[in-house]
Amino acid sequence: MRRALLCSGFVLAAAAVLSGCSRDIEHRGYQARAEDLQKLRLGMTKQEVRTSLGSPSTTATVQHQGDSFYYISSRVKTSAFLENEELDRQILAVRFSQFDQVQSFGQYTLQDGNIINMNSRETPSRGRELTILQQMFGNLGNFTPNDTGPPKGQSGSISSPGSNY
């Protein structure tokens, strides 16, 4: 009986620990509904698009053309200790003409994206990196024992030659 209780306690404890490592699926960003996307038409104004789809996730402005609205959503698998994994990404791009009317729109997925390698080079700085111990004990022995203040003859005020202040 005692062994059975101990074994069941171990199984319950293991189940509790493993349940903390379970993965969750999170929905992030704009979640488009099919009926809202069907309302999107060429020639609509920005305000009509905002009324139909809501505020965009981000916008872009190109100087020689009109603005663009981007509605971005993604599904991400999260875990307590592991790196997040993006399962799906949907991007609705709405491009406007110079007159703020819908000129074109398109839908993109995670497969349409390109991986961009960021430049990881760093600009070197002058000096050197100190460890915590070097910072704490670096000034030991760097003092003058008879340091009593400014040299004699200087009173703390600055005067220019020839002035009678």
C-alpha atoms as a PDB file:
ATOM      1  CA  MET A   1       0.000   0.000   0.000  1.00  0.00           C
ATOM      2  CA  ARG A   2       2.770   2.389   0.944  1.00  0.00           C
ATOM      3  CA  ARG A   3       4.663   1.611  -2.243  1.00  0.00           C
ATOM      4  CA  ALA A   4       1.547   2.239  -4.366  1.00  0.00           C
ATOM      5  CA  LEU A   5       1.015   5.642  -2.699  1.00  0.00           C
ATOM      6  CA  LEU A   6       4.654   6.582  -3.246  1.00  0.00           C
ATOM      7  CA  CYS A   7       4.489   5.517  -6.894  1.00  0.00           C
ATOM      8  CA  SER A   8       1.245   7.431  -7.531  1.00  0.00           C
ATOM      9  CA  GLY A   9       2.725  10.508  -5.816  1.00  0.00           C
ATOM     10  CA  PHE A  10       5.741  10.304  -8.107  1.00  0.00           C
ATOM     11  CA  VAL A  11       3.503  10.020 -11.179  1.00  0.00           C
ATOM     12  CA  LEU A  12       1.444  13.054 -10.078  1.00  0.00           C
ATOM     13  CA  ALA A  13       4.580  15.112  -9.435  1.00  0.00           C
ATOM     14  CA  ALA A  14       6.018  14.182 -12.840  1.00  0.00           C
ATOM     15  CA  ALA A  15       2.733  15.084 -14.536  1.00  0.00           C
ATOM     16  CA  ALA A  16       2.697  18.475 -12.774  1.00  0.00           C
ATOM     17  CA  VAL A  17       6.267  19.213 -13.867  1.00  0.00           C
ATOM     18  CA  LEU A  18       5.629  18.156 -17.464  1.00  0.00           C
ATOM     19  CA  SER A  19       2.417  20.164 -17.708  1.00  0.00           C
ATOM     20  CA  GLY A  20       4.481  23.324 -17.106  1.00  0.00           C
ATOM     21  CA  CYS A  21       6.407  22.528 -20.298  1.00  0.00           C
ATOM     22  CA  SER A  22       3.331  22.210 -22.486  1.00  0.00           C
ATOM     23  CA  ARG A  23       3.251  24.313 -25.617  1.00  0.00           C
ATOM     24  CA  ASP A  24       0.581  26.907 -26.238  1.00  0.00           C
ATOM     25  CA  ILE A  25      -0.560  28.361 -29.551  1.00  0.00           C
ATOM     26  CA  GLU A  26      -0.904  32.161 -29.478  1.00  0.00           C
ATOM     27  CA  HIS A  27      -2.727  34.231 -32.090  1.00  0.00           C
ATOM     28  CA  ARG A  28      -1.036  37.607 -32.481  1.00  0.00           C
ATOM     29  CA  GLY A  29      -1.955  40.698 -34.450  1.00  0.00           C
ATOM     30  CA  TYR A  30      -4.875  41.379 -36.769  1.00  0.00           C
ATOM     31  CA  GLN A  31      -7.234  38.425 -37.202  1.00  0.00           C
ATOM     32  CA  ALA A  32      -8.992  38.955 -40.529  1.00  0.00           C
ATOM     33  CA  ARG A  33     -12.541  37.768 -41.085  1.00  0.00           C
ATOM     34  CA  ALA A  34     -13.545  36.594 -44.556  1.00  0.00           C
ATOM     35  CA  GLU A  35     -16.576  38.907 -44.715  1.00  0.00           C
ATOM     36  CA  ASP A  36     -14.381  41.951 -43.956  1.00  0.00           C
ATOM     37  CA  LEU A  37     -11.897  41.025 -46.697  1.00  0.00           C
ATOM     38  CA  GLN A  38     -14.729  40.675 -49.215  1.00  0.00           C
ATOM     39  CA  LYS A  39     -15.693  44.311 -48.571  1.00  0.00           C
ATOM     40  CA  LEU A  40     -12.278  45.514 -49.767  1.00  0.00           C
ATOM     41  CA  ARG A  41     -12.586  47.073 -53.239  1.00  0.00           C
ATOM     42  CA  LEU A  42     -10.383  49.142 -55.549  1.00  0.00           C
ATOM     43  CA  GLY A  43     -11.087  52.878 -55.270  1.00  0.00           C
ATOM     44  CA  MET A  44     -12.060  52.813 -51.557  1.00  0.00           C
ATOM     45  CA  THR A  45     -10.757  55.695 -49.458  1.00  0.00           C
ATOM     46  CA  LYS A  46      -8.421  55.274 -46.470  1.00  0.00           C
ATOM     47  CA  GLN A  47     -11.274  56.022 -44.100  1.00  0.00           C
ATOM     48  CA  GLU A  48     -13.466  53.356 -45.689  1.00  0.00           C
ATOM     49  CA  VAL A  49     -10.648  50.804 -45.332  1.00  0.00           C
ATOM     50  CA  ARG A  50     -10.180  51.767 -41.668  1.00  0.00           C
ATOM     51  CA  THR A  51     -13.918  51.423 -41.098  1.00  0.00           C
ATOM     52  CA  SER A  52     -14.003  47.957 -42.712  1.00  0.00           C
ATOM     53  CA  LEU A  53     -10.757  46.481 -41.409  1.00  0.00           C
ATOM     54  CA  GLY A  54      -9.826  48.645 -38.425  1.00  0.00           C
ATOM     55  CA  SER A  55      -6.473  50.284 -37.743  1.00  0.00           C
ATOM     56  CA  PRO A  56      -3.538  48.708 -39.589  1.00  0.00           C
ATOM     57  CA  SER A  57      -0.708  46.916 -37.799  1.00  0.00           C
ATOM     58  CA  THR A  58       1.783  49.209 -39.523  1.00  0.00           C
ATOM     59  CA  THR A  59       1.901  51.721 -42.361  1.00  0.00           C
ATOM     60  CA  ALA A  60       4.453  52.754 -44.957  1.00  0.00           C
ATOM     61  CA  THR A  61       4.810  55.895 -46.996  1.00  0.00           C
ATOM     62  CA  VAL A  62       6.609  56.008 -50.322  1.00  0.00           C
ATOM     63  CA  GLN A  63       7.403  59.538 -51.459  1.00  0.00           C
ATOM     64  CA  HIS A  64       6.435  59.247 -55.130  1.00  0.00           C
ATOM     65  CA  GLN A  65       3.375  57.069 -54.515  1.00  0.00           C
ATOM     66  CA  GLY A  66       0.686  56.824 -51.875  1.00  0.00           C
ATOM     67  CA  ASP A  67       0.643  55.152 -48.468  1.00  0.00           C
ATOM     68  CA  SER A  68       0.300  51.460 -47.686  1.00  0.00           C
ATOM     69  CA  PHE A  69      -1.521  49.758 -44.822  1.00  0.00           C
ATOM     70  CA  TYR A  70      -0.305  46.385 -43.555  1.00  0.00           C
ATOM     71  CA  TYR A  71      -2.531  44.105 -41.482  1.00  0.00           C
ATOM     72  CA  ILE A  72      -0.307  41.417 -39.941  1.00  0.00           C
ATOM     73  CA  SER A  73      -1.324  38.303 -38.000  1.00  0.00           C
ATOM     74  CA  SER A  74       0.607  35.246 -36.890  1.00  0.00           C
ATOM     75  CA  ARG A  75       0.241  31.995 -34.998  1.00  0.00           C
ATOM     76  CA  VAL A  76       3.133  31.255 -32.627  1.00  0.00           C
ATOM     77  CA  LYS A  77       3.862  28.096 -30.668  1.00  0.00           C
ATOM     78  CA  THR A  78       5.226  29.106 -27.259  1.00  0.00           C
ATOM     79  CA  SER A  79       6.880  27.068 -24.559  1.00  0.00           C
ATOM     80  CA  ALA A  80       8.233  27.891 -21.126  1.00  0.00           C
ATOM     81  CA  PHE A  81      11.915  27.294 -21.831  1.00  0.00           C
ATOM     82  CA  LEU A  82      12.180  26.754 -25.575  1.00  0.00           C
ATOM     83  CA  GLU A  83      12.385  29.350 -28.321  1.00  0.00           C
ATOM     84  CA  ASN A  84       9.064  30.450 -29.831  1.00  0.00           C
ATOM     85  CA  GLU A  85       8.216  28.943 -33.221  1.00  0.00           C
ATOM     86  CA  GLU A  86       6.150  30.891 -35.736  1.00  0.00           C
ATOM     87  CA  LEU A  87       3.720  28.495 -37.406  1.00  0.00           C
ATOM     88  CA  ASP A  88       1.873  30.834 -39.747  1.00  0.00           C
ATOM     89  CA  ARG A  89       1.906  34.495 -40.794  1.00  0.00           C
ATOM     90  CA  GLN A  90      -0.705  36.343 -42.854  1.00  0.00           C
ATOM     91  CA  ILE A  91      -0.103  39.842 -44.222  1.00  0.00           C
ATOM     92  CA  LEU A  92      -2.744  41.892 -45.996  1.00  0.00           C
ATOM     93  CA  ALA A  93      -1.115  44.801 -47.858  1.00  0.00           C
ATOM     94  CA  VAL A  94      -3.395  47.622 -49.021  1.00  0.00           C
ATOM     95  CA  ARG A  95      -1.683  50.161 -51.292  1.00  0.00           C
ATOM     96  CA  PHE A  96      -3.142  53.605 -51.884  1.00  0.00           C
ATOM     97  CA  SER A  97      -2.726  56.022 -54.769  1.00  0.00           C
ATOM     98  CA  GLN A  98      -1.596  59.627 -54.372  1.00  0.00           C
ATOM     99  CA  PHE A  99      -5.271  60.489 -53.955  1.00  0.00           C
ATOM    100  CA  ASP A 100      -5.680  58.135 -50.927  1.00  0.00           C
ATOM    101  CA  GLN A 101      -7.761  55.558 -52.792  1.00  0.00           C
ATOM    102  CA  VAL A 102      -7.069  51.813 -52.863  1.00  0.00           C
ATOM    103  CA  GLN A 103      -4.845  51.141 -55.853  1.00  0.00           C
ATOM    104  CA  SER A 104      -4.041  47.470 -55.157  1.00  0.00           C
ATOM    105  CA  PHE A 105      -4.015  44.903 -52.388  1.00  0.00           C
ATOM    106  CA  GLY A 106      -2.432  41.548 -51.825  1.00  0.00           C
ATOM    107  CA  GLN A 107      -2.143  38.742 -49.299  1.00  0.00           C
ATOM    108  CA  TYR A 108       1.189  37.227 -48.298  1.00  0.00           C
ATOM    109  CA  THR A 109       2.152  34.293 -46.085  1.00  0.00           C
ATOM    110  CA  LEU A 110       5.220  33.144 -44.192  1.00  0.00           C
ATOM    111  CA  GLN A 111       6.435  31.324 -47.312  1.00  0.00           C
ATOM    112  CA  ASP A 112       6.465  34.613 -49.278  1.00  0.00           C
ATOM    113  CA  GLY A 113       8.958  36.188 -46.879  1.00  0.00           C
ATOM    114  CA  ASN A 114      12.717  36.323 -47.283  1.00  0.00           C
ATOM    115  CA  ILE A 115      15.231  35.856 -44.495  1.00  0.00           C
ATOM    116  CA  ILE A 116      17.445  38.917 -44.137  1.00  0.00           C
ATOM    117  CA  ASN A 117      20.803  38.506 -42.441  1.00  0.00           C
ATOM    118  CA  MET A 118      21.426  41.493 -40.232  1.00  0.00           C
ATOM    119  CA  ASN A 119      24.942  42.876 -40.061  1.00  0.00           C
ATOM    120  CA  SER A 120      26.251  41.720 -36.685  1.00  0.00           C
ATOM    121  CA  ARG A 121      29.561  43.565 -36.827  1.00  0.00           C
ATOM    122  CA  GLU A 122      30.137  45.975 -33.978  1.00  0.00           C
ATOM    123  CA  THR A 123      32.013  49.232 -33.950  1.00  0.00           C
ATOM    124  CA  PRO A 124      34.968  48.862 -31.583  1.00  0.00           C
ATOM    125  CA  SER A 125      35.108  51.381 -28.781  1.00  0.00           C
ATOM    126  CA  ARG A 126      38.184  52.839 -27.179  1.00  0.00           C
ATOM    127  CA  GLY A 127      39.280  51.295 -23.935  1.00  0.00           C
ATOM    128  CA  ARG A 128      38.788  47.793 -22.714  1.00  0.00           C
ATOM    129  CA  GLU A 129      36.114  45.711 -21.096  1.00  0.00           C
ATOM    130  CA  LEU A 130      36.687  45.207 -17.383  1.00  0.00           C
ATOM    131  CA  THR A 131      35.427  42.322 -15.315  1.00  0.00           C
ATOM    132  CA  ILE A 132      33.531  43.055 -12.109  1.00  0.00           C
ATOM    133  CA  LEU A 133      36.586  42.222 -10.006  1.00  0.00           C
ATOM    134  CA  GLN A 134      38.798  44.520 -12.091  1.00  0.00           C
ATOM    135  CA  GLN A 135      36.262  47.313 -11.614  1.00  0.00           C
ATOM    136  CA  MET A 136      36.093  46.738  -7.850  1.00  0.00           C
ATOM    137  CA  PHE A 137      39.812  46.419  -7.176  1.00  0.00           C
ATOM    138  CA  GLY A 138      41.280  48.368 -10.106  1.00  0.00           C
ATOM    139  CA  ASN A 139      42.135  51.506  -8.116  1.00  0.00           C
ATOM    140  CA  LEU A 140      43.863  49.784  -5.215  1.00  0.00           C
ATOM    141  CA  GLY A 141      47.289  51.353  -4.857  1.00  0.00           C
ATOM    142  CA  ASN A 142      46.502  54.237  -7.226  1.00  0.00           C
ATOM    143  CA  PHE A 143      46.499  57.108  -4.769  1.00  0.00           C
ATOM    144  CA  THR A 144      48.954  59.697  -3.436  1.00  0.00           C
ATOM    145  CA  PRO A 145      49.321  59.430   0.342  1.00  0.00           C
ATOM    146  CA  ASN A 146      49.992  63.169   0.944  1.00  0.00           C
ATOM    147  CA  ASP A 147      47.266  64.461  -1.330  1.00  0.00           C
ATOM    148  CA  THR A 148      45.822  67.449   0.545  1.00  0.00           C
ATOM    149  CA  GLY A 149      43.996  69.293  -2.204  1.00  0.00           C
ATOM    150  CA  PRO A 150      44.963  71.836  -4.855  1.00  0.00           C
ATOM    151  CA  PRO A 151      48.581  73.029  -5.093  1.00  0.00           C
ATOM    152  CA  LYS A 152      49.556  76.011  -2.921  1.00  0.00           C
ATOM    153  CA  GLY A 153      49.120  79.420  -4.459  1.00  0.00           C
ATOM    154  CA  GLN A 154      45.758  78.617  -6.022  1.00  0.00           C
ATOM    155  CA  SER A 155      42.814  79.888  -4.048  1.00  0.00           C
ATOM    156  CA  GLY A 156      39.987  78.380  -6.042  1.00  0.00           C
ATOM    157  CA  SER A 157      39.009  81.539  -7.964  1.00  0.00           C
ATOM    158  CA  ILE A 158      40.231  82.251 -11.435  1.00  0.00           C
ATOM    159  CA  SER A 159      41.478  85.719 -12.338  1.00  0.00           C
ATOM    160  CA  SER A 160      43.085  86.943 -15.488  1.00  0.00           C
ATOM    161  CA  PRO A 161      46.480  88.671 -15.403  1.00  0.00           C
ATOM    162  CA  GLY A 162      46.242  92.435 -14.952  1.00  0.00           C
ATOM    163  CA  SER A 163      42.840  92.404 -13.295  1.00  0.00           C
ATOM    164  CA  ASN A 164      42.351  93.716  -9.771  1.00  0.00           C
ATOM    165  CA  TYR A 165      39.499  91.533  -8.623  1.00  0.00           C
END
